[in-house]
N, C-alpha and C. Protein backbone atom coordinates (compact mmCIF):
# COMPACT_ATOMS: atom_id res chain seq x y z
N MET A 1 -8.86 36.94 35.76
CA MET A 1 -7.38 36.39 36.07
C MET A 1 -7.78 35.59 37.09
N ALA A 2 -8.61 35.60 37.90
CA ALA A 2 -8.54 34.36 39.53
C ALA A 2 -8.85 32.88 39.14
N HIS A 3 -9.76 32.95 37.84
CA HIS A 3 -10.65 31.63 37.06
C HIS A 3 -9.06 31.27 36.25
N LYS A 4 -8.36 31.78 35.49
CA LYS A 4 -7.45 31.19 34.81
C LYS A 4 -6.34 30.61 36.09
N ALA A 5 -5.88 31.23 36.77
CA ALA A 5 -4.99 31.08 37.68
C ALA A 5 -5.49 29.33 38.36
N THR A 6 -6.35 29.57 38.77
CA THR A 6 -7.46 28.38 39.10
C THR A 6 -7.40 27.06 38.57
N GLN A 7 -7.79 27.36 36.98
CA GLN A 7 -7.96 26.21 35.86
C GLN A 7 -6.17 25.44 35.79
N LYS A 8 -5.05 26.60 35.86
CA LYS A 8 -3.45 26.46 35.54
C LYS A 8 -3.40 25.45 36.80
N GLU A 9 -3.64 25.66 38.30
CA GLU A 9 -3.71 24.64 39.18
C GLU A 9 -4.02 23.02 39.54
N GLU A 10 -5.17 23.16 38.43
CA GLU A 10 -5.74 22.31 38.06
C GLU A 10 -5.41 21.42 37.17
N LEU A 11 -4.88 21.95 36.40
CA LEU A 11 -4.27 21.20 35.36
C LEU A 11 -2.70 20.69 35.92
N GLU A 12 -2.41 21.67 36.42
CA GLU A 12 -0.98 20.70 37.00
C GLU A 12 -1.11 19.93 38.30
N ARG A 13 -2.35 19.89 38.62
CA ARG A 13 -2.72 18.99 40.05
C ARG A 13 -2.52 18.05 39.13
N ILE A 14 -3.01 17.64 38.21
CA ILE A 14 -3.65 15.99 37.13
C ILE A 14 -1.93 15.83 37.05
N ASP A 15 -1.37 16.63 36.63
CA ASP A 15 0.24 15.71 36.79
C ASP A 15 0.39 14.96 38.16
N THR A 16 0.22 15.44 38.83
CA THR A 16 0.68 14.63 40.08
C THR A 16 -0.13 13.95 41.03
N MET A 17 -1.40 13.61 40.72
CA MET A 17 -1.86 12.64 40.93
C MET A 17 -1.43 10.92 40.69
N THR A 18 -2.11 10.42 41.69
CA THR A 18 -1.94 9.27 41.66
C THR A 18 -3.16 8.84 40.66
N ILE A 19 -2.86 7.16 40.47
CA ILE A 19 -3.83 6.95 38.74
C ILE A 19 -5.46 6.36 39.60
N LEU A 20 -5.65 6.37 41.33
CA LEU A 20 -6.64 6.43 42.24
C LEU A 20 -7.10 7.70 41.79
N GLU A 21 -6.77 8.75 42.46
CA GLU A 21 -6.84 10.51 42.71
C GLU A 21 -7.77 10.76 41.40
N ALA A 22 -6.95 10.30 39.90
CA ALA A 22 -7.28 10.81 38.78
C ALA A 22 -8.10 10.34 38.58
N VAL A 23 -9.17 9.22 38.55
CA VAL A 23 -9.92 8.30 38.06
C VAL A 23 -11.26 8.91 39.07
N ALA A 24 -10.85 9.26 40.42
CA ALA A 24 -11.70 9.62 41.09
C ALA A 24 -12.49 10.85 40.96
N TYR A 25 -11.05 11.42 40.29
CA TYR A 25 -10.97 13.36 39.83
C TYR A 25 -12.29 13.23 38.53
N ALA A 26 -12.10 12.07 38.01
CA ALA A 26 -12.47 11.82 36.40
C ALA A 26 -13.91 11.85 36.80
N ASN A 27 -14.38 10.81 37.69
CA ASN A 27 -15.69 10.42 38.11
C ASN A 27 -16.78 11.83 38.25
N ARG A 28 -15.91 12.77 39.57
CA ARG A 28 -16.70 13.92 39.82
C ARG A 28 -16.64 14.77 38.87
N LEU A 29 -15.60 14.75 37.98
CA LEU A 29 -15.56 16.03 37.13
C LEU A 29 -17.12 15.66 35.69
N SER A 30 -16.94 14.38 35.44
CA SER A 30 -17.76 13.66 34.78
C SER A 30 -19.58 14.22 35.61
N ARG A 31 -19.53 13.89 36.72
CA ARG A 31 -20.63 14.83 37.33
C ARG A 31 -21.10 15.73 37.09
N ARG A 32 -20.21 16.31 37.67
CA ARG A 32 -19.96 17.61 37.37
C ARG A 32 -20.40 18.58 35.91
N LEU A 33 -19.93 18.12 34.95
CA LEU A 33 -20.38 18.42 33.71
C LEU A 33 -22.15 18.06 32.91
N VAL A 34 -22.55 17.31 33.50
CA VAL A 34 -23.55 16.69 33.17
C VAL A 34 -25.03 17.80 34.41
N SER A 35 -24.71 18.80 35.29
CA SER A 35 -25.26 18.82 35.97
C SER A 35 -25.84 20.19 35.26
N ASP A 36 -26.81 20.38 35.51
CA ASP A 36 -27.65 21.51 34.84
C ASP A 36 -26.99 22.72 35.54
N ASP A 37 -26.48 22.99 36.14
CA ASP A 37 -25.95 24.57 36.58
C ASP A 37 -24.43 25.13 35.89
N CYS A 38 -23.79 23.62 35.10
CA CYS A 38 -22.64 23.77 34.54
C CYS A 38 -22.79 24.93 33.34
N SER A 39 -21.81 26.27 33.38
CA SER A 39 -22.26 26.81 32.65
C SER A 39 -21.14 26.59 31.20
N GLY A 40 -21.43 27.02 30.39
CA GLY A 40 -20.63 26.45 28.83
C GLY A 40 -19.09 26.64 29.52
N GLU A 41 -18.56 28.16 29.96
CA GLU A 41 -17.49 28.19 30.27
C GLU A 41 -16.64 26.65 31.01
N GLU A 42 -17.19 26.91 32.14
CA GLU A 42 -17.24 25.50 33.35
C GLU A 42 -16.99 24.48 32.30
N ARG A 43 -17.78 24.15 31.33
CA ARG A 43 -17.97 23.08 30.43
C ARG A 43 -17.02 22.85 30.05
N GLN A 44 -16.26 24.12 28.82
CA GLN A 44 -14.82 24.37 28.10
C GLN A 44 -13.88 23.48 29.03
N HIS A 45 -13.39 24.53 30.09
CA HIS A 45 -12.87 23.76 31.46
C HIS A 45 -12.70 22.40 31.36
N GLY A 46 -13.78 21.96 31.93
CA GLY A 46 -13.99 20.49 32.07
C GLY A 46 -13.74 20.01 31.16
N LEU A 47 -13.70 19.83 29.92
CA LEU A 47 -13.80 19.19 29.00
C LEU A 47 -11.73 19.16 28.64
N GLU A 48 -11.35 20.10 28.80
CA GLU A 48 -9.77 20.29 29.15
C GLU A 48 -9.58 19.08 30.10
N LEU A 49 -9.72 19.55 31.14
CA LEU A 49 -9.37 19.05 32.56
C LEU A 49 -9.16 17.19 32.09
N LEU A 50 -10.38 16.43 31.04
CA LEU A 50 -10.67 15.61 30.80
C LEU A 50 -9.95 15.06 29.90
N ARG A 51 -9.63 15.99 29.38
CA ARG A 51 -8.39 15.51 27.79
C ARG A 51 -7.09 15.18 28.47
N ARG A 52 -6.94 16.01 29.72
CA ARG A 52 -5.66 15.91 30.27
C ARG A 52 -5.76 14.55 31.46
N LEU A 53 -6.74 14.42 31.96
CA LEU A 53 -7.22 13.43 32.94
C LEU A 53 -6.68 11.80 31.45
N THR A 54 -7.03 11.82 30.83
CA THR A 54 -7.05 10.94 29.64
C THR A 54 -5.67 10.85 29.24
N GLU A 55 -4.80 11.28 28.59
CA GLU A 55 -3.27 11.81 28.46
C GLU A 55 -2.79 11.06 29.94
N ARG A 56 -2.96 11.46 31.17
CA ARG A 56 -2.40 11.16 32.37
C ARG A 56 -2.23 9.53 32.59
N VAL A 57 -3.72 9.14 32.54
CA VAL A 57 -4.22 7.91 32.80
C VAL A 57 -4.64 7.59 31.95
N GLN A 58 -4.06 6.46 30.89
CA GLN A 58 -4.43 6.19 29.24
C GLN A 58 -5.39 5.41 29.18
N PHE A 59 -5.41 4.52 30.27
CA PHE A 59 -6.65 3.11 29.92
C PHE A 59 -7.92 3.90 30.94
N LEU A 60 -8.37 5.34 31.14
CA LEU A 60 -9.19 5.66 31.11
C LEU A 60 -9.88 5.75 29.94
N LYS A 61 -11.20 5.50 29.95
CA LYS A 61 -11.69 5.43 28.59
C LYS A 61 -13.23 6.29 28.77
N ILE A 62 -12.77 7.59 28.62
CA ILE A 62 -14.11 8.51 28.58
C ILE A 62 -14.75 9.30 27.58
N THR A 63 -16.23 8.77 27.42
CA THR A 63 -16.84 9.30 26.76
C THR A 63 -17.70 10.43 26.39
N LEU A 64 -17.59 11.12 25.50
CA LEU A 64 -18.00 12.44 25.56
C LEU A 64 -19.41 12.42 24.92
N ASP A 65 -20.35 12.82 25.72
CA ASP A 65 -21.79 13.07 25.03
C ASP A 65 -21.51 14.04 23.90
N PRO A 66 -22.98 13.77 23.28
CA PRO A 66 -22.90 14.97 22.23
C PRO A 66 -23.07 16.30 22.78
N VAL A 67 -23.36 16.41 24.15
CA VAL A 67 -23.83 17.43 24.78
C VAL A 67 -22.25 18.61 24.94
N TYR A 68 -21.20 17.88 25.16
CA TYR A 68 -20.23 17.76 25.34
C TYR A 68 -19.29 18.29 23.94
N SER A 69 -19.70 17.14 22.64
CA SER A 69 -18.94 17.59 21.95
C SER A 69 -19.70 19.13 21.22
N GLU A 70 -21.05 19.34 21.62
CA GLU A 70 -21.50 20.31 21.12
C GLU A 70 -20.71 22.15 21.46
N ALA A 71 -20.46 21.21 23.00
CA ALA A 71 -20.26 22.57 23.70
C ALA A 71 -18.81 23.06 23.32
N ALA A 72 -17.98 21.81 22.67
CA ALA A 72 -16.38 22.09 22.66
C ALA A 72 -16.26 22.65 21.04
N SER A 73 -17.08 22.36 20.30
CA SER A 73 -17.30 22.97 18.87
C SER A 73 -18.15 24.58 18.84
N ALA A 74 -18.70 24.86 19.75
CA ALA A 74 -19.09 25.99 20.08
C ALA A 74 -17.71 27.30 20.31
N HIS A 75 -17.16 26.79 20.76
CA HIS A 75 -15.97 27.73 21.34
C HIS A 75 -14.98 27.61 20.69
């Protein structure tokens, strides 16, 4: 349940970020998602965060690799 609370906090935090903070966060998140030690659940959560970031900062052009797409369709 703590994981769900953390996920909710991260999603809410995105709404209050400045554009520069959102861009920096997207860069860190993208690096984390391509990491070999990123679990499927973490990848799903990361994809949701990236989706929220692209809604928040509409000029962000985040291309999801096939690995991301496969992870999203698997869940």
